[in-house]
Amino acid sequence: ETDVDKTLSFFDPVPLDEDVGIMAGIRLTL
């Protein structure tokens, strides 16, 4: 569970149908 908690700290919720920059030069839409 400690590893799971650490992993969840890296999660960033993203809304649907919204253009989001995830790193330099790369855009994501869900």
PDB file of all heavy atoms in Angstrom:
ATOM      1  N   GLU A   1       0.819  -1.218   0.000  1.00  0.00           N
ATOM      2  CA  GLU A   1       0.000   0.000   0.000  1.00  0.00           C
ATOM      3  C   GLU A   1       0.850   1.265   0.000  1.00  0.00           C
ATOM      4  O   GLU A   1       0.436   2.301  -0.534  1.00  0.00           O
ATOM      5  CB  GLU A   1      -0.945   0.000   1.202  1.00  0.00           C
ATOM      6  CG  GLU A   1      -2.060  -1.037   1.088  1.00  0.00           C
ATOM      7  CD  GLU A   1      -3.093  -0.887   2.192  1.00  0.00           C
ATOM      8  OE1 GLU A   1      -3.049   0.131   2.919  1.00  0.00           O
ATOM      9  OE2 GLU A   1      -3.936  -1.785   2.332  1.00  0.00           O
ATOM     10  N   THR A   2       2.040   1.192   0.583  1.00  0.00           N
ATOM     11  CA  THR A   2       2.923   2.366   0.564  1.00  0.00           C
ATOM     12  C   THR A   2       3.291   2.732  -0.862  1.00  0.00           C
ATOM     13  O   THR A   2       3.291   3.917  -1.236  1.00  0.00           O
ATOM     14  CB  THR A   2       4.205   2.080   1.386  1.00  0.00           C
ATOM     15  OG1 THR A   2       3.837   1.760   2.731  1.00  0.00           O
ATOM     16  CG2 THR A   2       5.125   3.290   1.379  1.00  0.00           C
ATOM     17  N   ASP A   3       3.584   1.721  -1.672  1.00  0.00           N
ATOM     18  CA  ASP A   3       3.909   1.975  -3.074  1.00  0.00           C
ATOM     19  C   ASP A   3       2.707   2.551  -3.816  1.00  0.00           C
ATOM     20  O   ASP A   3       2.851   3.428  -4.683  1.00  0.00           O
ATOM     21  CB  ASP A   3       4.375   0.682  -3.751  1.00  0.00           C
ATOM     22  CG  ASP A   3       5.649   0.140  -3.139  1.00  0.00           C
ATOM     23  OD1 ASP A   3       6.671   0.846  -3.208  1.00  0.00           O
ATOM     24  OD2 ASP A   3       5.623  -0.970  -2.586  1.00  0.00           O
ATOM     25  N   VAL A   4       1.512   2.032  -3.506  1.00  0.00           N
ATOM     26  CA  VAL A   4       0.300   2.547  -4.154  1.00  0.00           C
ATOM     27  C   VAL A   4       0.093   4.016  -3.814  1.00  0.00           C
ATOM     28  O   VAL A   4      -0.201   4.845  -4.689  1.00  0.00           O
ATOM     29  CB  VAL A   4      -0.929   1.717  -3.728  1.00  0.00           C
ATOM     30  CG1 VAL A   4      -2.213   2.341  -4.283  1.00  0.00           C
ATOM     31  CG2 VAL A   4      -0.795   0.274  -4.211  1.00  0.00           C
ATOM     32  N   ASP A   5       0.268   4.368  -2.533  1.00  0.00           N
ATOM     33  CA  ASP A   5       0.100   5.765  -2.124  1.00  0.00           C
ATOM     34  C   ASP A   5       1.096   6.674  -2.846  1.00  0.00           C
ATOM     35  O   ASP A   5       0.754   7.782  -3.273  1.00  0.00           O
ATOM     36  CB  ASP A   5       0.272   5.897  -0.609  1.00  0.00           C
ATOM     37  CG  ASP A   5      -0.876   5.261   0.170  1.00  0.00           C
ATOM     38  OD1 ASP A   5      -1.962   5.093  -0.418  1.00  0.00           O
ATOM     39  OD2 ASP A   5      -0.672   4.913   1.346  1.00  0.00           O
ATOM     40  N   LYS A   6       2.337   6.201  -2.997  1.00  0.00           N
ATOM     41  CA  LYS A   6       3.337   6.993  -3.711  1.00  0.00           C
ATOM     42  C   LYS A   6       2.939   7.176  -5.177  1.00  0.00           C
ATOM     43  O   LYS A   6       3.086   8.261  -5.755  1.00  0.00           O
ATOM     44  CB  LYS A   6       4.703   6.327  -3.622  1.00  0.00           C
ATOM     45  CG  LYS A   6       5.341   6.363  -2.237  1.00  0.00           C
ATOM     46  CD  LYS A   6       6.691   5.649  -2.242  1.00  0.00           C
ATOM     47  CE  LYS A   6       7.334   5.674  -0.873  1.00  0.00           C
ATOM     48  NZ  LYS A   6       8.623   4.921  -0.854  1.00  0.00           N
ATOM     49  N   THR A   7       2.426   6.097  -5.761  1.00  0.00           N
ATOM     50  CA  THR A   7       2.020   6.166  -7.164  1.00  0.00           C
ATOM     51  C   THR A   7       0.879   7.148  -7.358  1.00  0.00           C
ATOM     52  O   THR A   7       0.882   7.965  -8.289  1.00  0.00           O
ATOM     53  CB  THR A   7       1.602   4.762  -7.656  1.00  0.00           C
ATOM     54  OG1 THR A   7       2.693   3.859  -7.485  1.00  0.00           O
ATOM     55  CG2 THR A   7       1.207   4.796  -9.125  1.00  0.00           C
ATOM     56  N   LEU A   8      -0.115   7.086  -6.471  1.00  0.00           N
ATOM     57  CA  LEU A   8      -1.268   7.970  -6.600  1.00  0.00           C
ATOM     58  C   LEU A   8      -0.879   9.443  -6.505  1.00  0.00           C
ATOM     59  O   LEU A   8      -1.561  10.304  -7.071  1.00  0.00           O
ATOM     60  CB  LEU A   8      -2.307   7.636  -5.523  1.00  0.00           C
ATOM     61  CG  LEU A   8      -3.068   6.320  -5.724  1.00  0.00           C
ATOM     62  CD1 LEU A   8      -3.967   6.031  -4.544  1.00  0.00           C
ATOM     63  CD2 LEU A   8      -3.879   6.363  -7.009  1.00  0.00           C
ATOM     64  N   SER A   9       0.220   9.718  -5.817  1.00  0.00           N
ATOM     65  CA  SER A   9       0.649  11.114  -5.698  1.00  0.00           C
ATOM     66  C   SER A   9       1.069  11.695  -7.048  1.00  0.00           C
ATOM     67  O   SER A   9       1.140  12.915  -7.206  1.00  0.00           O
ATOM     68  CB  SER A   9       1.796  11.230  -4.693  1.00  0.00           C
ATOM     69  OG  SER A   9       2.992  10.646  -5.210  1.00  0.00           O
ATOM     70  N   PHE A  10       1.345  10.835  -8.021  1.00  0.00           N
ATOM     71  CA  PHE A  10       1.738  11.293  -9.350  1.00  0.00           C
ATOM     72  C   PHE A  10       0.549  11.459 -10.291  1.00  0.00           C
ATOM     73  O   PHE A  10       0.705  11.898 -11.428  1.00  0.00           O
ATOM     74  CB  PHE A  10       2.749  10.330  -9.977  1.00  0.00           C
ATOM     75  CG  PHE A  10       4.091  10.322  -9.288  1.00  0.00           C
ATOM     76  CD1 PHE A  10       4.407   9.337  -8.382  1.00  0.00           C
ATOM     77  CD2 PHE A  10       5.024  11.324  -9.541  1.00  0.00           C
ATOM     78  CE1 PHE A  10       5.631   9.327  -7.732  1.00  0.00           C
ATOM     79  CE2 PHE A  10       6.250  11.326  -8.902  1.00  0.00           C
ATOM     80  CZ  PHE A  10       6.561  10.326  -7.988  1.00  0.00           C
ATOM     81  N   PHE A  11      -0.648  11.038  -9.847  1.00  0.00           N
ATOM     82  CA  PHE A  11      -1.825  11.134 -10.705  1.00  0.00           C
ATOM     83  C   PHE A  11      -2.336  12.571 -10.748  1.00  0.00           C
ATOM     84  O   PHE A  11      -2.365  13.268  -9.733  1.00  0.00           O
ATOM     85  CB  PHE A  11      -2.943  10.217 -10.196  1.00  0.00           C
ATOM     86  CG  PHE A  11      -2.810   8.792 -10.641  1.00  0.00           C
ATOM     87  CD1 PHE A  11      -1.674   8.048 -10.345  1.00  0.00           C
ATOM     88  CD2 PHE A  11      -3.819   8.180 -11.352  1.00  0.00           C
ATOM     89  CE1 PHE A  11      -1.547   6.741 -10.753  1.00  0.00           C
ATOM     90  CE2 PHE A  11      -3.705   6.864 -11.774  1.00  0.00           C
ATOM     91  CZ  PHE A  11      -2.565   6.137 -11.480  1.00  0.00           C
ATOM     92  N   ASP A  12      -2.739  13.012 -11.926  1.00  0.00           N
ATOM     93  CA  ASP A  12      -3.274  14.356 -12.095  1.00  0.00           C
ATOM     94  C   ASP A  12      -4.582  14.234 -12.877  1.00  0.00           C
ATOM     95  O   ASP A  12      -4.569  13.930 -14.073  1.00  0.00           O
ATOM     96  CB  ASP A  12      -2.278  15.223 -12.870  1.00  0.00           C
ATOM     97  CG  ASP A  12      -2.663  16.694 -12.872  1.00  0.00           C
ATOM     98  OD1 ASP A  12      -3.622  17.056 -12.171  1.00  0.00           O
ATOM     99  OD2 ASP A  12      -2.005  17.471 -13.582  1.00  0.00           O
ATOM    100  N   PRO A  13      -5.735  14.421 -12.241  1.00  0.00           N
ATOM    101  CA  PRO A  13      -7.018  14.285 -12.960  1.00  0.00           C
ATOM    102  C   PRO A  13      -7.100  15.255 -14.131  1.00  0.00           C
ATOM    103  O   PRO A  13      -6.689  16.421 -14.038  1.00  0.00           O
ATOM    104  CB  PRO A  13      -8.057  14.623 -11.885  1.00  0.00           C
ATOM    105  CG  PRO A  13      -7.362  14.369 -10.584  1.00  0.00           C
ATOM    106  CD  PRO A  13      -5.926  14.726 -10.822  1.00  0.00           C
ATOM    107  N   VAL A  14      -7.641  14.739 -15.251  1.00  0.00           N
ATOM    108  CA  VAL A  14      -7.765  15.545 -16.469  1.00  0.00           C
ATOM    109  C   VAL A  14      -9.217  15.480 -16.936  1.00  0.00           C
ATOM    110  O   VAL A  14      -9.765  14.395 -17.082  1.00  0.00           O
ATOM    111  CB  VAL A  14      -6.831  15.001 -17.576  1.00  0.00           C
ATOM    112  CG1 VAL A  14      -7.055  15.735 -18.886  1.00  0.00           C
ATOM    113  CG2 VAL A  14      -5.373  15.117 -17.143  1.00  0.00           C
ATOM    114  N   PRO A  15      -9.852  16.623 -17.176  1.00  0.00           N
ATOM    115  CA  PRO A  15     -11.243  16.608 -17.663  1.00  0.00           C
ATOM    116  C   PRO A  15     -11.319  16.034 -19.077  1.00  0.00           C
ATOM    117  O   PRO A  15     -10.356  16.100 -19.855  1.00  0.00           O
ATOM    118  CB  PRO A  15     -11.643  18.088 -17.654  1.00  0.00           C
ATOM    119  CG  PRO A  15     -10.588  18.791 -16.873  1.00  0.00           C
ATOM    120  CD  PRO A  15      -9.347  17.971 -16.988  1.00  0.00           C
ATOM    121  N   LEU A  16     -12.478  15.474 -19.406  1.00  0.00           N
ATOM    122  CA  LEU A  16     -12.705  15.012 -20.770  1.00  0.00           C
ATOM    123  C   LEU A  16     -12.829  16.203 -21.708  1.00  0.00           C
ATOM    124  O   LEU A  16     -13.263  17.297 -21.309  1.00  0.00           O
ATOM    125  CB  LEU A  16     -13.981  14.176 -20.843  1.00  0.00           C
ATOM    126  CG  LEU A  16     -13.968  12.832 -20.109  1.00  0.00           C
ATOM    127  CD1 LEU A  16     -15.352  12.194 -20.166  1.00  0.00           C
ATOM    128  CD2 LEU A  16     -12.926  11.893 -20.688  1.00  0.00           C
ATOM    129  N   ASP A  17     -12.403  15.986 -22.963  1.00  0.00           N
ATOM    130  CA  ASP A  17     -12.604  16.954 -24.052  1.00  0.00           C
ATOM    131  C   ASP A  17     -11.913  18.292 -23.795  1.00  0.00           C
ATOM    132  O   ASP A  17     -12.352  19.334 -24.283  1.00  0.00           O
ATOM    133  CB  ASP A  17     -14.106  17.183 -24.303  1.00  0.00           C
ATOM    134  CG  ASP A  17     -14.836  15.895 -24.638  1.00  0.00           C
ATOM    135  OD1 ASP A  17     -14.312  15.128 -25.456  1.00  0.00           O
ATOM    136  OD2 ASP A  17     -15.911  15.657 -24.068  1.00  0.00           O
ATOM    137  N   GLU A  18     -10.832  18.256 -23.039  1.00  0.00           N
ATOM    138  CA  GLU A  18     -10.075  19.479 -22.779  1.00  0.00           C
ATOM    139  C   GLU A  18      -8.624  19.271 -23.202  1.00  0.00           C
ATOM    140  O   GLU A  18      -7.992  18.294 -22.816  1.00  0.00           O
ATOM    141  CB  GLU A  18     -10.151  19.838 -21.297  1.00  0.00           C
ATOM    142  CG  GLU A  18      -9.468  21.156 -20.947  1.00  0.00           C
ATOM    143  CD  GLU A  18      -9.713  21.555 -19.503  1.00  0.00           C
ATOM    144  OE1 GLU A  18     -10.889  21.604 -19.096  1.00  0.00           O
ATOM    145  OE2 GLU A  18      -8.726  21.796 -18.778  1.00  0.00           O
ATOM    146  N   ASP A  19      -8.108  20.173 -24.016  1.00  0.00           N
ATOM    147  CA  ASP A  19      -6.733  20.091 -24.502  1.00  0.00           C
ATOM    148  C   ASP A  19      -5.776  20.465 -23.372  1.00  0.00           C
ATOM    149  O   ASP A  19      -5.844  21.566 -22.826  1.00  0.00           O
ATOM    150  CB  ASP A  19      -6.553  21.038 -25.690  1.00  0.00           C
ATOM    151  CG  ASP A  19      -5.183  20.921 -26.317  1.00  0.00           C
ATOM    152  OD1 ASP A  19      -4.730  19.786 -26.557  1.00  0.00           O
ATOM    153  OD2 ASP A  19      -4.554  21.976 -26.570  1.00  0.00           O
ATOM    154  N   VAL A  20      -4.883  19.527 -23.013  1.00  0.00           N
ATOM    155  CA  VAL A  20      -4.010  19.716 -21.851  1.00  0.00           C
ATOM    156  C   VAL A  20      -2.557  19.484 -22.273  1.00  0.00           C
ATOM    157  O   VAL A  20      -2.246  18.494 -22.945  1.00  0.00           O
ATOM    158  CB  VAL A  20      -4.382  18.726 -20.722  1.00  0.00           C
ATOM    159  CG1 VAL A  20      -3.415  18.859 -19.551  1.00  0.00           C
ATOM    160  CG2 VAL A  20      -5.812  18.963 -20.265  1.00  0.00           C
ATOM    161  N   GLY A  21      -1.673  20.380 -21.875  1.00  0.00           N
ATOM    162  CA  GLY A  21      -0.253  20.152 -22.100  1.00  0.00           C
ATOM    163  C   GLY A  21       0.298  19.219 -21.031  1.00  0.00           C
ATOM    164  O   GLY A  21       0.142  19.482 -19.840  1.00  0.00           O
ATOM    165  N   ILE A  22       0.939  18.121 -21.439  1.00  0.00           N
ATOM    166  CA  ILE A  22       1.457  17.167 -20.456  1.00  0.00           C
ATOM    167  C   ILE A  22       2.975  17.210 -20.357  1.00  0.00           C
ATOM    168  O   ILE A  22       3.538  16.732 -19.368  1.00  0.00           O
ATOM    169  CB  ILE A  22       0.981  15.735 -20.747  1.00  0.00           C
ATOM    170  CG1 ILE A  22       1.409  15.269 -22.140  1.00  0.00           C
ATOM    171  CG2 ILE A  22      -0.523  15.634 -20.589  1.00  0.00           C
ATOM    172  CD1 ILE A  22       1.113  13.799 -22.395  1.00  0.00           C
ATOM    173  N   MET A  23       3.642  17.738 -21.370  1.00  0.00           N
ATOM    174  CA  MET A  23       5.073  18.004 -21.309  1.00  0.00           C
ATOM    175  C   MET A  23       5.397  18.907 -22.489  1.00  0.00           C
ATOM    176  O   MET A  23       4.519  19.178 -23.313  1.00  0.00           O
ATOM    177  CB  MET A  23       5.895  16.710 -21.327  1.00  0.00           C
ATOM    178  CG  MET A  23       5.699  15.829 -22.538  1.00  0.00           C
ATOM    179  SD  MET A  23       6.623  14.277 -22.445  1.00  0.00           S
ATOM    180  CE  MET A  23       8.313  14.872 -22.387  1.00  0.00           C
ATOM    181  N   ALA A  24       6.593  19.370 -22.571  1.00  0.00           N
ATOM    182  CA  ALA A  24       6.963  20.351 -23.593  1.00  0.00           C
ATOM    183  C   ALA A  24       6.598  19.855 -24.990  1.00  0.00           C
ATOM    184  O   ALA A  24       7.096  18.816 -25.437  1.00  0.00           O
ATOM    185  CB  ALA A  24       8.460  20.647 -23.517  1.00  0.00           C
ATOM    186  N   GLY A  25       5.705  20.563 -25.654  1.00  0.00           N
ATOM    187  CA  GLY A  25       5.378  20.262 -27.038  1.00  0.00           C
ATOM    188  C   GLY A  25       4.382  19.151 -27.240  1.00  0.00           C
ATOM    189  O   GLY A  25       4.081  18.806 -28.393  1.00  0.00           O
ATOM    190  N   ILE A  26       3.859  18.534 -26.189  1.00  0.00           N
ATOM    191  CA  ILE A  26       2.925  17.410 -26.340  1.00  0.00           C
ATOM    192  C   ILE A  26       1.611  17.755 -25.659  1.00  0.00           C
ATOM    193  O   ILE A  26       1.572  18.111 -24.481  1.00  0.00           O
ATOM    194  CB  ILE A  26       3.510  16.107 -25.765  1.00  0.00           C
ATOM    195  CG1 ILE A  26       4.777  15.722 -26.528  1.00  0.00           C
ATOM    196  CG2 ILE A  26       2.478  14.979 -25.838  1.00  0.00           C
ATOM    197  CD1 ILE A  26       5.407  14.428 -26.068  1.00  0.00           C
ATOM    198  N   ARG A  27       0.524  17.640 -26.453  1.00  0.00           N
ATOM    199  CA  ARG A  27      -0.817  17.960 -25.968  1.00  0.00           C
ATOM    200  C   ARG A  27      -1.660  16.678 -25.900  1.00  0.00           C
ATOM    201  O   ARG A  27      -1.519  15.783 -26.732  1.00  0.00           O
ATOM    202  CB  ARG A  27      -1.500  18.966 -26.895  1.00  0.00           C
ATOM    203  CG  ARG A  27      -0.671  20.170 -27.277  1.00  0.00           C
ATOM    204  CD  ARG A  27      -0.465  21.116 -26.126  1.00  0.00           C
ATOM    205  NE  ARG A  27      -1.731  21.658 -25.607  1.00  0.00           N
ATOM    206  CZ  ARG A  27      -1.792  22.480 -24.571  1.00  0.00           C
ATOM    207  NH1 ARG A  27      -0.674  22.850 -23.930  1.00  0.00           N
ATOM    208  NH2 ARG A  27      -2.959  22.946 -24.164  1.00  0.00           N
ATOM    209  N   LEU A  28      -2.526  16.631 -24.905  1.00  0.00           N
ATOM    210  CA  LEU A  28      -3.384  15.458 -24.677  1.00  0.00           C
ATOM    211  C   LEU A  28      -4.838  15.891 -24.622  1.00  0.00           C
ATOM    212  O   LEU A  28      -5.180  16.894 -23.991  1.00  0.00           O
ATOM    213  CB  LEU A  28      -3.012  14.780 -23.357  1.00  0.00           C
ATOM    214  CG  LEU A  28      -4.009  13.744 -22.802  1.00  0.00           C
ATOM    215  CD1 LEU A  28      -3.970  12.474 -23.628  1.00  0.00           C
ATOM    216  CD2 LEU A  28      -3.706  13.440 -21.332  1.00  0.00           C
ATOM    217  N   THR A  29      -5.703  15.112 -25.279  1.00  0.00           N
ATOM    218  CA  THR A  29      -7.148  15.278 -25.133  1.00  0.00           C
ATOM    219  C   THR A  29      -7.758  13.908 -24.867  1.00  0.00           C
ATOM    220  O   THR A  29      -7.485  12.951 -25.606  1.00  0.00           O
ATOM    221  CB  THR A  29      -7.784  15.885 -26.396  1.00  0.00           C
ATOM    222  OG1 THR A  29      -7.133  17.103 -26.733  1.00  0.00           O
ATOM    223  CG2 THR A  29      -9.268  16.150 -26.165  1.00  0.00           C
ATOM    224  N   LEU A  30      -8.553  13.819 -23.810  1.00  0.00           N
ATOM    225  CA  LEU A  30      -9.238  12.574 -23.465  1.00  0.00           C
ATOM    226  C   LEU A  30     -10.696  12.663 -23.884  1.00  0.00           C
ATOM    227  O   LEU A  30     -11.351  13.696 -23.697  1.00  0.00           O
ATOM    228  CB  LEU A  30      -9.145  12.315 -21.959  1.00  0.00           C
ATOM    229  CG  LEU A  30      -7.738  12.119 -21.389  1.00  0.00           C
ATOM    230  CD1 LEU A  30      -7.811  11.911 -19.876  1.00  0.00           C
ATOM    231  CD2 LEU A  30      -7.035  10.944 -22.052  1.00  0.00           C
TER     232      LEU A  30
END
